[in-house]
Structures are given as C-alpha cells and as structure tokens.
Amino acid sequence: QMTVKADDITRVELKLEAARARVKIKSNPAEADVELDGRAFGQTPLVLSKVSYGKHKLVLRRRGYVDEHIQLDIQGDTTITRTLSPPIFVLIQSEPSGAQVKQGAQVFGVTPLKLSFKPGAYQLTLFKEGYESQTQRLDLDAQGSEASLNLRLSETTQRRAARESVELSISQYRMR
C-alpha cells in the first residue's frame, strides 16, 4: 500500500511477473515420463509449481503404452490425471500389396504394414496407382491387443481396359 499527497511526485517502479500455476500430473500406471512443451520434467506423479498461464502441450510417455498427447490451457492451479492405454497392434494387408495406408493427410506406409493405435475409431484409406482407393472404419477397443485389416483393391476402369487390351493383343499375336 502506498499513499501519495496531492502535490507530490512519486516515482514507482513495478516488476510484473507472469501468472504462474501449480500443475499436478498423475498417470495410471505411474512412472510415465512427463514432457511439457518439449522439455522433460520427470515422471508421474509429478507437481510442476511454476507453470505459466496459457496454452501448453503435455506428453505422457511410458514404454509399452501409447503416448498421451494433451493440449492444456492453464488458467490456475489444476490436476491432470490420465490412464495410459496399451497399444493395439493392427496388421494391414491388401491385395495387391504395396498400397499406401493413410488417415486423412497422414501417410503411415505401404502394405503389408503393422501399426500400433490406442483404443478408438479410425478411418483408414488404402490407395494404389491403378486401383480404386478404399476407406475402412476401424473400431478398436482396449480388450484386444491385436487386430487385422485385409482389403482387396479393385482395378480402375482405365487399368482394366489397358490390361484387357494387352491380353487381347497377346492372344491375337498367338493366333497368327
């Protein structure tokens, strides 16, 4: 508190500090590595006592479990508790093989391919030049540790016509 008289000139210097919060982080199972904004802080359970207000990216990582990515908007003291999921491995195959596997714009690789997912619903698209792309919904729950997806891709009309044209040319050649 400060009192200033009417005709006095008083110089005041203030040092402003960013608002800070206390963030408790827990995981099940415990001992997950904690990263906040790309910086490692230790393992759960963990208390970070001087987290600035605002948006942050939290990652919980433990071997044998799917990484948990959490977007935070810190506005005061908070507790974050997450249950980590063991991965569900999915073997993805196509006929013919060599199809790209993607979800949205993210390309995972080409078939045959083994990927790990956390429980949830996914829309996977398989694409191969000369074949109709196929999209398949994949519903994964925590009960299963492995799943498979097998898709047969159909030739595009252009590819089928080209193949049939080549086959016709070969058969005409043999007839001569």
N, C-alpha and C. Protein backbone atom coordinates (compact mmCIF):
# COMPACT_ATOMS: atom_id res chain seq x y z
N GLN A 1 0.85 -1.17 0.00
CA GLN A 1 0.00 0.00 0.00
C GLN A 1 0.90 1.22 0.00
N MET A 2 0.44 2.27 -0.72
CA MET A 2 1.25 3.47 -0.86
C MET A 2 0.33 4.68 -0.83
N THR A 3 0.75 5.72 -0.13
CA THR A 3 -0.05 6.95 -0.06
C THR A 3 0.75 8.07 -0.73
N VAL A 4 0.10 8.83 -1.62
CA VAL A 4 0.75 9.93 -2.32
C VAL A 4 -0.08 11.19 -2.05
N LYS A 5 0.62 12.29 -1.61
CA LYS A 5 -0.08 13.55 -1.35
C LYS A 5 -0.32 14.27 -2.66
N ALA A 6 -1.25 15.18 -2.69
CA ALA A 6 -1.74 15.85 -3.89
C ALA A 6 -0.62 16.47 -4.74
N ASP A 7 0.33 17.19 -4.16
CA ASP A 7 1.35 17.86 -4.94
C ASP A 7 2.67 17.11 -5.01
N ASP A 8 2.71 15.92 -4.49
CA ASP A 8 3.94 15.13 -4.51
C ASP A 8 4.09 14.41 -5.85
N ILE A 9 5.32 14.30 -6.27
CA ILE A 9 5.64 13.47 -7.44
C ILE A 9 6.38 12.27 -6.88
N THR A 10 5.85 11.13 -7.17
CA THR A 10 6.43 9.91 -6.65
C THR A 10 6.72 8.96 -7.80
N ARG A 11 7.90 8.48 -7.78
CA ARG A 11 8.28 7.51 -8.81
C ARG A 11 8.03 6.11 -8.25
N VAL A 12 7.34 5.32 -9.05
CA VAL A 12 7.02 3.95 -8.63
C VAL A 12 7.55 2.99 -9.69
N GLU A 13 8.31 2.04 -9.23
CA GLU A 13 8.78 1.01 -10.14
C GLU A 13 8.10 -0.30 -9.76
N LEU A 14 7.49 -0.89 -10.77
CA LEU A 14 6.81 -2.17 -10.55
C LEU A 14 7.46 -3.23 -11.41
N LYS A 15 7.59 -4.38 -10.85
CA LYS A 15 8.09 -5.51 -11.61
C LYS A 15 6.93 -6.48 -11.78
N LEU A 16 6.52 -6.65 -13.04
CA LEU A 16 5.42 -7.55 -13.33
C LEU A 16 5.95 -8.96 -13.57
N GLU A 17 5.27 -9.91 -13.02
CA GLU A 17 5.64 -11.30 -13.21
C GLU A 17 4.48 -12.03 -13.86
N ALA A 18 4.82 -12.96 -14.72
CA ALA A 18 3.78 -13.76 -15.38
C ALA A 18 3.04 -14.57 -14.33
N ALA A 19 1.74 -14.71 -14.53
CA ALA A 19 0.94 -15.52 -13.62
C ALA A 19 1.41 -16.97 -13.73
N ARG A 20 1.55 -17.61 -12.62
CA ARG A 20 2.04 -18.99 -12.57
C ARG A 20 1.03 -19.88 -11.85
N ALA A 21 1.02 -21.12 -12.24
CA ALA A 21 0.08 -22.08 -11.64
C ALA A 21 0.84 -23.31 -11.19
N ARG A 22 0.20 -24.04 -10.30
CA ARG A 22 0.71 -25.32 -9.83
C ARG A 22 -0.07 -26.40 -10.57
N VAL A 23 0.65 -27.29 -11.25
CA VAL A 23 0.00 -28.34 -12.04
C VAL A 23 0.44 -29.70 -11.50
N LYS A 24 -0.55 -30.47 -11.03
CA LYS A 24 -0.30 -31.83 -10.57
C LYS A 24 -0.59 -32.77 -11.74
N ILE A 25 0.33 -33.69 -12.00
CA ILE A 25 0.17 -34.62 -13.12
C ILE A 25 0.27 -36.04 -12.58
N LYS A 26 -0.80 -36.81 -12.85
CA LYS A 26 -0.86 -38.21 -12.40
C LYS A 26 -1.16 -39.09 -13.60
N SER A 27 -0.66 -40.33 -13.56
CA SER A 27 -0.99 -41.28 -14.62
C SER A 27 -1.21 -42.65 -14.00
N ASN A 28 -1.99 -43.44 -14.72
CA ASN A 28 -2.19 -44.83 -14.35
C ASN A 28 -1.81 -45.66 -15.57
N PRO A 29 -0.74 -46.44 -15.54
CA PRO A 29 0.16 -46.64 -14.41
C PRO A 29 1.06 -45.42 -14.19
N ALA A 30 1.62 -45.38 -12.99
CA ALA A 30 2.53 -44.28 -12.62
C ALA A 30 3.86 -44.46 -13.35
N GLU A 31 4.75 -43.53 -13.12
CA GLU A 31 6.10 -43.53 -13.67
C GLU A 31 6.14 -43.33 -15.18
N ALA A 32 5.19 -42.53 -15.67
CA ALA A 32 5.22 -42.12 -17.08
C ALA A 32 6.11 -40.89 -17.18
N ASP A 33 6.91 -40.82 -18.23
CA ASP A 33 7.75 -39.64 -18.46
C ASP A 33 6.85 -38.46 -18.82
N VAL A 34 7.18 -37.28 -18.27
CA VAL A 34 6.39 -36.08 -18.48
C VAL A 34 7.20 -35.08 -19.29
N GLU A 35 6.60 -34.64 -20.42
CA GLU A 35 7.18 -33.56 -21.22
C GLU A 35 6.17 -32.43 -21.28
N LEU A 36 6.63 -31.23 -21.05
CA LEU A 36 5.78 -30.04 -21.19
C LEU A 36 6.46 -29.13 -22.18
N ASP A 37 5.77 -28.85 -23.27
CA ASP A 37 6.30 -28.00 -24.35
C ASP A 37 7.66 -28.50 -24.85
N GLY A 38 7.80 -29.83 -24.95
CA GLY A 38 9.02 -30.43 -25.49
C GLY A 38 10.15 -30.59 -24.50
N ARG A 39 9.95 -30.20 -23.25
CA ARG A 39 11.01 -30.28 -22.23
C ARG A 39 10.65 -31.35 -21.19
N ALA A 40 11.59 -32.26 -20.91
CA ALA A 40 11.37 -33.33 -19.94
C ALA A 40 11.41 -32.78 -18.52
N PHE A 41 10.48 -33.26 -17.66
CA PHE A 41 10.41 -32.79 -16.29
C PHE A 41 10.52 -33.89 -15.24
N GLY A 42 10.42 -35.15 -15.64
CA GLY A 42 10.46 -36.23 -14.67
C GLY A 42 9.37 -37.23 -14.95
N GLN A 43 8.94 -37.94 -13.89
CA GLN A 43 7.93 -38.97 -14.05
C GLN A 43 6.75 -38.73 -13.11
N THR A 44 5.61 -39.28 -13.53
CA THR A 44 4.40 -39.17 -12.71
C THR A 44 4.52 -40.09 -11.50
N PRO A 45 3.89 -39.72 -10.37
CA PRO A 45 3.18 -38.46 -10.13
C PRO A 45 4.18 -37.32 -9.99
N LEU A 46 3.78 -36.15 -10.46
CA LEU A 46 4.68 -35.00 -10.52
C LEU A 46 3.90 -33.72 -10.27
N VAL A 47 4.54 -32.79 -9.58
CA VAL A 47 3.94 -31.46 -9.37
C VAL A 47 4.88 -30.43 -9.98
N LEU A 48 4.36 -29.66 -10.93
CA LEU A 48 5.11 -28.54 -11.51
C LEU A 48 4.57 -27.29 -10.85
N SER A 49 5.43 -26.56 -10.14
CA SER A 49 4.93 -25.47 -9.31
C SER A 49 4.89 -24.10 -9.99
N LYS A 50 5.54 -23.93 -11.13
CA LYS A 50 5.58 -22.60 -11.74
C LYS A 50 5.30 -22.66 -13.23
N VAL A 51 4.12 -23.15 -13.59
CA VAL A 51 3.74 -23.24 -14.99
C VAL A 51 3.02 -21.95 -15.37
N SER A 52 3.49 -21.29 -16.42
CA SER A 52 2.86 -20.03 -16.82
C SER A 52 1.46 -20.27 -17.35
N TYR A 53 0.60 -19.28 -17.15
CA TYR A 53 -0.75 -19.35 -17.68
C TYR A 53 -0.67 -19.39 -19.21
N GLY A 54 -1.67 -20.02 -19.82
CA GLY A 54 -1.73 -20.06 -21.27
C GLY A 54 -1.71 -21.48 -21.79
N LYS A 55 -1.47 -21.58 -23.09
CA LYS A 55 -1.53 -22.87 -23.79
C LYS A 55 -0.19 -23.61 -23.72
N HIS A 56 -0.31 -24.93 -23.49
CA HIS A 56 0.87 -25.79 -23.39
C HIS A 56 0.56 -27.14 -24.01
N LYS A 57 1.62 -27.87 -24.39
CA LYS A 57 1.49 -29.24 -24.89
C LYS A 57 2.14 -30.17 -23.89
N LEU A 58 1.35 -31.09 -23.37
CA LEU A 58 1.82 -32.07 -22.40
C LEU A 58 1.83 -33.44 -23.05
N VAL A 59 2.92 -34.19 -22.85
CA VAL A 59 3.01 -35.55 -23.35
C VAL A 59 3.37 -36.46 -22.18
N LEU A 60 2.58 -37.55 -22.04
CA LEU A 60 2.89 -38.59 -21.07
C LEU A 60 3.34 -39.80 -21.87
N ARG A 61 4.49 -40.35 -21.50
CA ARG A 61 5.08 -41.43 -22.29
C ARG A 61 5.60 -42.51 -21.34
N ARG A 62 5.18 -43.75 -21.62
CA ARG A 62 5.69 -44.89 -20.85
C ARG A 62 5.86 -46.07 -21.78
N ARG A 63 6.97 -46.75 -21.65
CA ARG A 63 7.26 -47.90 -22.51
C ARG A 63 6.14 -48.93 -22.38
N GLY A 64 5.69 -49.43 -23.54
CA GLY A 64 4.63 -50.42 -23.55
C GLY A 64 3.24 -49.83 -23.59
N TYR A 65 3.14 -48.49 -23.66
CA TYR A 65 1.86 -47.80 -23.71
C TYR A 65 1.87 -46.76 -24.82
N VAL A 66 0.70 -46.38 -25.27
CA VAL A 66 0.57 -45.37 -26.30
C VAL A 66 0.80 -43.99 -25.67
N ASP A 67 1.60 -43.14 -26.32
CA ASP A 67 1.84 -41.79 -25.81
C ASP A 67 0.52 -41.04 -25.70
N GLU A 68 0.36 -40.28 -24.64
CA GLU A 68 -0.83 -39.47 -24.42
C GLU A 68 -0.46 -38.01 -24.67
N HIS A 69 -1.06 -37.40 -25.70
CA HIS A 69 -0.80 -36.00 -26.05
C HIS A 69 -1.98 -35.17 -25.55
N ILE A 70 -1.69 -34.14 -24.76
CA ILE A 70 -2.75 -33.35 -24.13
C ILE A 70 -2.49 -31.87 -24.39
N GLN A 71 -3.49 -31.20 -24.92
CA GLN A 71 -3.43 -29.74 -25.10
C GLN A 71 -3.96 -29.09 -23.83
N LEU A 72 -3.19 -28.23 -23.22
CA LEU A 72 -3.59 -27.58 -21.98
C LEU A 72 -3.81 -26.09 -22.20
N ASP A 73 -4.73 -25.52 -21.44
CA ASP A 73 -4.89 -24.06 -21.37
C ASP A 73 -4.95 -23.73 -19.88
N ILE A 74 -3.80 -23.43 -19.32
CA ILE A 74 -3.66 -23.23 -17.88
C ILE A 74 -4.17 -21.85 -17.50
N GLN A 75 -5.14 -21.82 -16.57
CA GLN A 75 -5.69 -20.55 -16.07
C GLN A 75 -5.64 -20.50 -14.54
N GLY A 76 -5.01 -21.49 -13.94
CA GLY A 76 -4.91 -21.56 -12.48
C GLY A 76 -4.43 -22.95 -12.11
N ASP A 77 -4.32 -23.19 -10.79
CA ASP A 77 -3.87 -24.50 -10.31
C ASP A 77 -4.79 -25.58 -10.85
N THR A 78 -4.20 -26.70 -11.25
CA THR A 78 -5.00 -27.78 -11.84
C THR A 78 -4.35 -29.13 -11.62
N THR A 79 -5.17 -30.16 -11.70
CA THR A 79 -4.69 -31.54 -11.61
C THR A 79 -5.09 -32.26 -12.89
N ILE A 80 -4.13 -32.97 -13.47
CA ILE A 80 -4.37 -33.72 -14.70
C ILE A 80 -4.11 -35.19 -14.39
N THR A 81 -5.11 -36.03 -14.66
CA THR A 81 -4.99 -37.46 -14.43
C THR A 81 -5.35 -38.19 -15.71
N ARG A 82 -4.49 -39.08 -16.16
CA ARG A 82 -4.75 -39.83 -17.39
C ARG A 82 -4.44 -41.31 -17.16
N THR A 83 -5.26 -42.16 -17.77
CA THR A 83 -5.00 -43.59 -17.81
C THR A 83 -4.38 -43.90 -19.16
N LEU A 84 -3.18 -44.45 -19.14
CA LEU A 84 -2.49 -44.77 -20.37
C LEU A 84 -3.00 -46.09 -20.94
N SER A 85 -3.06 -46.17 -22.24
CA SER A 85 -3.59 -47.36 -22.91
C SER A 85 -2.46 -48.18 -23.52
N PRO A 86 -2.53 -49.51 -23.33
CA PRO A 86 -1.57 -50.33 -24.06
C PRO A 86 -1.93 -50.26 -25.54
N PRO A 87 -0.96 -50.37 -26.42
CA PRO A 87 -1.26 -50.25 -27.84
C PRO A 87 -2.03 -51.46 -28.36
N ILE A 88 -2.79 -51.23 -29.41
CA ILE A 88 -3.44 -52.30 -30.15
C ILE A 88 -2.70 -52.37 -31.48
N PHE A 89 -2.12 -53.51 -31.77
CA PHE A 89 -1.36 -53.68 -33.00
C PHE A 89 -2.30 -54.14 -34.11
N VAL A 90 -2.19 -53.48 -35.26
CA VAL A 90 -3.05 -53.80 -36.40
C VAL A 90 -2.17 -54.15 -37.59
N LEU A 91 -2.38 -55.35 -38.13
CA LEU A 91 -1.70 -55.78 -39.34
C LEU A 91 -2.60 -55.41 -40.51
N ILE A 92 -2.10 -54.57 -41.40
CA ILE A 92 -2.88 -54.10 -42.54
C ILE A 92 -2.29 -54.70 -43.81
N GLN A 93 -3.15 -55.43 -44.55
CA GLN A 93 -2.72 -56.09 -45.78
C GLN A 93 -3.68 -55.73 -46.89
N SER A 94 -3.18 -55.77 -48.11
CA SER A 94 -4.04 -55.51 -49.26
C SER A 94 -3.69 -56.46 -50.38
N GLU A 95 -4.66 -56.65 -51.26
CA GLU A 95 -4.43 -57.42 -52.47
C GLU A 95 -4.76 -56.49 -53.62
N PRO A 96 -3.82 -56.02 -54.39
CA PRO A 96 -2.40 -56.35 -54.33
C PRO A 96 -1.71 -55.59 -53.19
N SER A 97 -0.54 -56.07 -52.80
CA SER A 97 0.23 -55.39 -51.75
C SER A 97 0.84 -54.11 -52.32
N GLY A 98 1.42 -53.30 -51.44
CA GLY A 98 2.07 -52.07 -51.88
C GLY A 98 1.14 -50.87 -51.90
N ALA A 99 -0.04 -50.99 -51.28
CA ALA A 99 -0.97 -49.85 -51.21
C ALA A 99 -0.56 -48.92 -50.07
N GLN A 100 -0.68 -47.62 -50.31
CA GLN A 100 -0.41 -46.65 -49.25
C GLN A 100 -1.54 -46.71 -48.23
N VAL A 101 -1.16 -46.61 -46.94
CA VAL A 101 -2.13 -46.58 -45.86
C VAL A 101 -2.08 -45.18 -45.26
N LYS A 102 -3.25 -44.52 -45.21
CA LYS A 102 -3.25 -43.18 -44.64
C LYS A 102 -4.53 -42.91 -43.87
N GLN A 103 -4.42 -41.95 -42.99
CA GLN A 103 -5.58 -41.43 -42.25
C GLN A 103 -5.55 -39.93 -42.46
N GLY A 104 -6.55 -39.42 -43.19
CA GLY A 104 -6.52 -38.01 -43.56
C GLY A 104 -5.30 -37.77 -44.42
N ALA A 105 -4.49 -36.78 -44.05
CA ALA A 105 -3.29 -36.45 -44.82
C ALA A 105 -2.06 -37.23 -44.34
N GLN A 106 -2.17 -37.93 -43.21
CA GLN A 106 -1.02 -38.64 -42.65
C GLN A 106 -0.86 -40.01 -43.33
N VAL A 107 0.29 -40.20 -43.97
CA VAL A 107 0.60 -41.48 -44.62
C VAL A 107 1.45 -42.30 -43.64
N PHE A 108 1.00 -43.54 -43.38
CA PHE A 108 1.71 -44.41 -42.44
C PHE A 108 2.75 -45.29 -43.12
N GLY A 109 2.54 -45.63 -44.39
CA GLY A 109 3.45 -46.53 -45.08
C GLY A 109 2.67 -47.32 -46.12
N VAL A 110 3.26 -48.45 -46.58
CA VAL A 110 2.60 -49.27 -47.59
C VAL A 110 2.40 -50.70 -47.06
N THR A 111 1.37 -51.34 -47.60
CA THR A 111 1.03 -52.70 -47.17
C THR A 111 2.04 -53.71 -47.71
N PRO A 112 2.30 -54.79 -46.96
CA PRO A 112 1.78 -55.09 -45.63
C PRO A 112 2.45 -54.20 -44.58
N LEU A 113 1.69 -53.83 -43.56
CA LEU A 113 2.16 -52.85 -42.59
C LEU A 113 1.58 -53.19 -41.22
N LYS A 114 2.40 -53.11 -40.18
CA LYS A 114 1.93 -53.31 -38.81
C LYS A 114 2.04 -51.99 -38.07
N LEU A 115 0.91 -51.52 -37.55
CA LEU A 115 0.85 -50.23 -36.85
C LEU A 115 0.32 -50.44 -35.44
N SER A 116 0.60 -49.48 -34.56
CA SER A 116 0.01 -49.51 -33.22
C SER A 116 -0.90 -48.30 -33.06
N PHE A 117 -2.04 -48.54 -32.43
CA PHE A 117 -3.04 -47.50 -32.19
C PHE A 117 -3.48 -47.56 -30.74
N LYS A 118 -4.02 -46.47 -30.25
CA LYS A 118 -4.69 -46.55 -28.96
C LYS A 118 -6.17 -46.81 -29.24
N PRO A 119 -6.91 -47.28 -28.25
CA PRO A 119 -8.32 -47.58 -28.48
C PRO A 119 -9.05 -46.37 -29.05
N GLY A 120 -9.96 -46.63 -30.00
CA GLY A 120 -10.73 -45.55 -30.62
C GLY A 120 -11.18 -45.96 -32.00
N ALA A 121 -11.77 -45.01 -32.70
CA ALA A 121 -12.26 -45.24 -34.06
C ALA A 121 -11.35 -44.52 -35.04
N TYR A 122 -11.03 -45.19 -36.14
CA TYR A 122 -10.13 -44.65 -37.15
C TYR A 122 -10.71 -44.89 -38.53
N GLN A 123 -10.49 -43.95 -39.44
CA GLN A 123 -10.85 -44.10 -40.85
C GLN A 123 -9.55 -44.24 -41.62
N LEU A 124 -9.26 -45.43 -42.11
CA LEU A 124 -8.03 -45.66 -42.85
C LEU A 124 -8.36 -45.79 -44.33
N THR A 125 -7.54 -45.18 -45.16
CA THR A 125 -7.72 -45.26 -46.61
C THR A 125 -6.51 -45.95 -47.22
N LEU A 126 -6.77 -46.92 -48.09
CA LEU A 126 -5.72 -47.60 -48.83
C LEU A 126 -5.79 -47.14 -50.28
N PHE A 127 -4.63 -46.76 -50.82
CA PHE A 127 -4.56 -46.20 -52.17
C PHE A 127 -3.39 -46.82 -52.91
N LYS A 128 -3.64 -47.22 -54.15
CA LYS A 128 -2.55 -47.70 -55.02
C LYS A 128 -2.86 -47.26 -56.43
N GLU A 129 -1.84 -46.76 -57.12
CA GLU A 129 -1.99 -46.31 -58.51
C GLU A 129 -2.62 -47.41 -59.35
N GLY A 130 -3.67 -47.07 -60.09
CA GLY A 130 -4.33 -48.02 -60.96
C GLY A 130 -5.46 -48.80 -60.29
N TYR A 131 -5.71 -48.51 -59.01
CA TYR A 131 -6.75 -49.21 -58.25
C TYR A 131 -7.65 -48.18 -57.56
N GLU A 132 -8.90 -48.58 -57.35
CA GLU A 132 -9.84 -47.73 -56.62
C GLU A 132 -9.39 -47.69 -55.16
N SER A 133 -9.34 -46.49 -54.58
CA SER A 133 -8.98 -46.40 -53.16
C SER A 133 -10.15 -46.93 -52.33
N GLN A 134 -9.82 -47.44 -51.17
CA GLN A 134 -10.84 -47.96 -50.26
C GLN A 134 -10.64 -47.35 -48.89
N THR A 135 -11.75 -46.94 -48.28
CA THR A 135 -11.71 -46.40 -46.92
C THR A 135 -12.44 -47.37 -46.01
N GLN A 136 -11.82 -47.68 -44.89
CA GLN A 136 -12.40 -48.64 -43.95
C GLN A 136 -12.38 -48.04 -42.55
N ARG A 137 -13.51 -48.13 -41.86
CA ARG A 137 -13.57 -47.69 -40.46
C ARG A 137 -13.03 -48.83 -39.60
N LEU A 138 -12.19 -48.47 -38.66
CA LEU A 138 -11.57 -49.43 -37.76
C LEU A 138 -11.94 -49.03 -36.34
N ASP A 139 -12.72 -49.86 -35.65
CA ASP A 139 -13.09 -49.60 -34.26
C ASP A 139 -12.26 -50.50 -33.36
N LEU A 140 -11.41 -49.88 -32.55
CA LEU A 140 -10.51 -50.64 -31.69
C LEU A 140 -10.87 -50.38 -30.24
N ASP A 141 -11.02 -51.45 -29.47
CA ASP A 141 -11.27 -51.27 -28.04
C ASP A 141 -10.09 -51.81 -27.25
N ALA A 142 -10.08 -51.54 -25.97
CA ALA A 142 -8.94 -51.90 -25.13
C ALA A 142 -8.86 -53.40 -24.88
N GLN A 143 -9.89 -54.16 -25.24
CA GLN A 143 -9.90 -55.58 -24.95
C GLN A 143 -8.89 -56.35 -25.81
N GLY A 144 -8.78 -56.00 -27.07
CA GLY A 144 -7.90 -56.75 -27.96
C GLY A 144 -6.54 -56.11 -28.06
N SER A 145 -5.50 -56.94 -28.17
CA SER A 145 -4.17 -56.37 -28.31
C SER A 145 -3.68 -56.45 -29.75
N GLU A 146 -4.42 -57.23 -30.58
CA GLU A 146 -4.06 -57.32 -31.99
C GLU A 146 -5.32 -57.37 -32.84
N ALA A 147 -5.21 -56.82 -34.04
CA ALA A 147 -6.31 -56.85 -34.99
C ALA A 147 -5.70 -56.89 -36.38
N SER A 148 -6.52 -57.19 -37.37
CA SER A 148 -6.01 -57.18 -38.74
C SER A 148 -7.05 -56.56 -39.65
N LEU A 149 -6.56 -56.03 -40.74
CA LEU A 149 -7.41 -55.43 -41.77
C LEU A 149 -6.88 -55.92 -43.11
N ASN A 150 -7.74 -56.62 -43.86
CA ASN A 150 -7.37 -57.16 -45.16
C ASN A 150 -8.33 -56.61 -46.20
N LEU A 151 -7.82 -55.89 -47.20
CA LEU A 151 -8.68 -55.31 -48.22
C LEU A 151 -8.21 -55.72 -49.61
N ARG A 152 -9.17 -56.03 -50.48
CA ARG A 152 -8.88 -56.32 -51.88
C ARG A 152 -9.24 -55.06 -52.66
N LEU A 153 -8.25 -54.50 -53.36
CA LEU A 153 -8.47 -53.30 -54.15
C LEU A 153 -8.91 -53.68 -55.56
N SER A 154 -9.87 -52.95 -56.08
CA SER A 154 -10.37 -53.19 -57.44
C SER A 154 -9.63 -52.31 -58.43
N GLU A 155 -9.35 -52.88 -59.60
CA GLU A 155 -8.68 -52.11 -60.64
C GLU A 155 -9.58 -50.96 -61.10
N THR A 156 -8.94 -49.85 -61.46
CA THR A 156 -9.70 -48.75 -62.05
C THR A 156 -10.13 -49.18 -63.46
N THR A 157 -11.14 -48.51 -63.98
CA THR A 157 -11.62 -48.82 -65.33
C THR A 157 -10.50 -48.68 -66.35
N GLN A 158 -9.67 -47.63 -66.22
CA GLN A 158 -8.57 -47.40 -67.15
C GLN A 158 -7.55 -48.54 -67.10
N ARG A 159 -7.21 -48.99 -65.90
CA ARG A 159 -6.22 -50.05 -65.76
C ARG A 159 -6.77 -51.36 -66.35
N ARG A 160 -8.05 -51.65 -66.04
CA ARG A 160 -8.67 -52.87 -66.55
C ARG A 160 -8.69 -52.86 -68.08
N ALA A 161 -9.06 -51.71 -68.66
CA ALA A 161 -9.11 -51.59 -70.12
C ALA A 161 -7.72 -51.78 -70.72
N ALA A 162 -6.71 -51.20 -70.10
CA ALA A 162 -5.34 -51.33 -70.60
C ALA A 162 -4.88 -52.78 -70.51
N ARG A 163 -5.19 -53.45 -69.38
CA ARG A 163 -4.79 -54.86 -69.20
C ARG A 163 -5.50 -55.75 -70.23
N GLU A 164 -6.80 -55.51 -70.41
CA GLU A 164 -7.56 -56.31 -71.37
C GLU A 164 -7.06 -56.08 -72.79
N SER A 165 -6.64 -54.85 -73.10
CA SER A 165 -6.11 -54.53 -74.42
C SER A 165 -4.80 -55.29 -74.65
N VAL A 166 -3.96 -55.34 -73.66
CA VAL A 166 -2.69 -56.07 -73.76
C VAL A 166 -2.97 -57.55 -73.92
N GLU A 167 -3.91 -58.09 -73.12
CA GLU A 167 -4.26 -59.51 -73.21
C GLU A 167 -4.81 -59.84 -74.59
N LEU A 168 -5.64 -58.95 -75.15
CA LEU A 168 -6.20 -59.16 -76.48
C LEU A 168 -5.10 -59.16 -77.53
N SER A 169 -4.15 -58.23 -77.40
CA SER A 169 -3.04 -58.16 -78.35
C SER A 169 -2.21 -59.43 -78.29
N ILE A 170 -1.97 -59.94 -77.11
CA ILE A 170 -1.17 -61.16 -76.95
C ILE A 170 -1.91 -62.35 -77.57
N SER A 171 -3.22 -62.46 -77.32
CA SER A 171 -3.96 -63.58 -77.88
C SER A 171 -4.05 -63.49 -79.40
N GLN A 172 -4.15 -62.29 -79.96
CA GLN A 172 -4.17 -62.13 -81.42
C GLN A 172 -2.82 -62.50 -82.01
N TYR A 173 -1.77 -62.16 -81.32
CA TYR A 173 -0.42 -62.48 -81.78
C TYR A 173 -0.25 -64.01 -81.83
N ARG A 174 -0.77 -64.71 -80.82
CA ARG A 174 -0.63 -66.17 -80.73
C ARG A 174 -1.44 -66.86 -81.84
N MET A 175 -2.56 -66.24 -82.27
CA MET A 175 -3.42 -66.85 -83.28
C MET A 175 -2.75 -66.85 -84.67
N ARG A 176 -1.84 -65.97 -84.90
CA ARG A 176 -1.20 -65.86 -86.22
C ARG A 176 -0.31 -66.99 -86.52
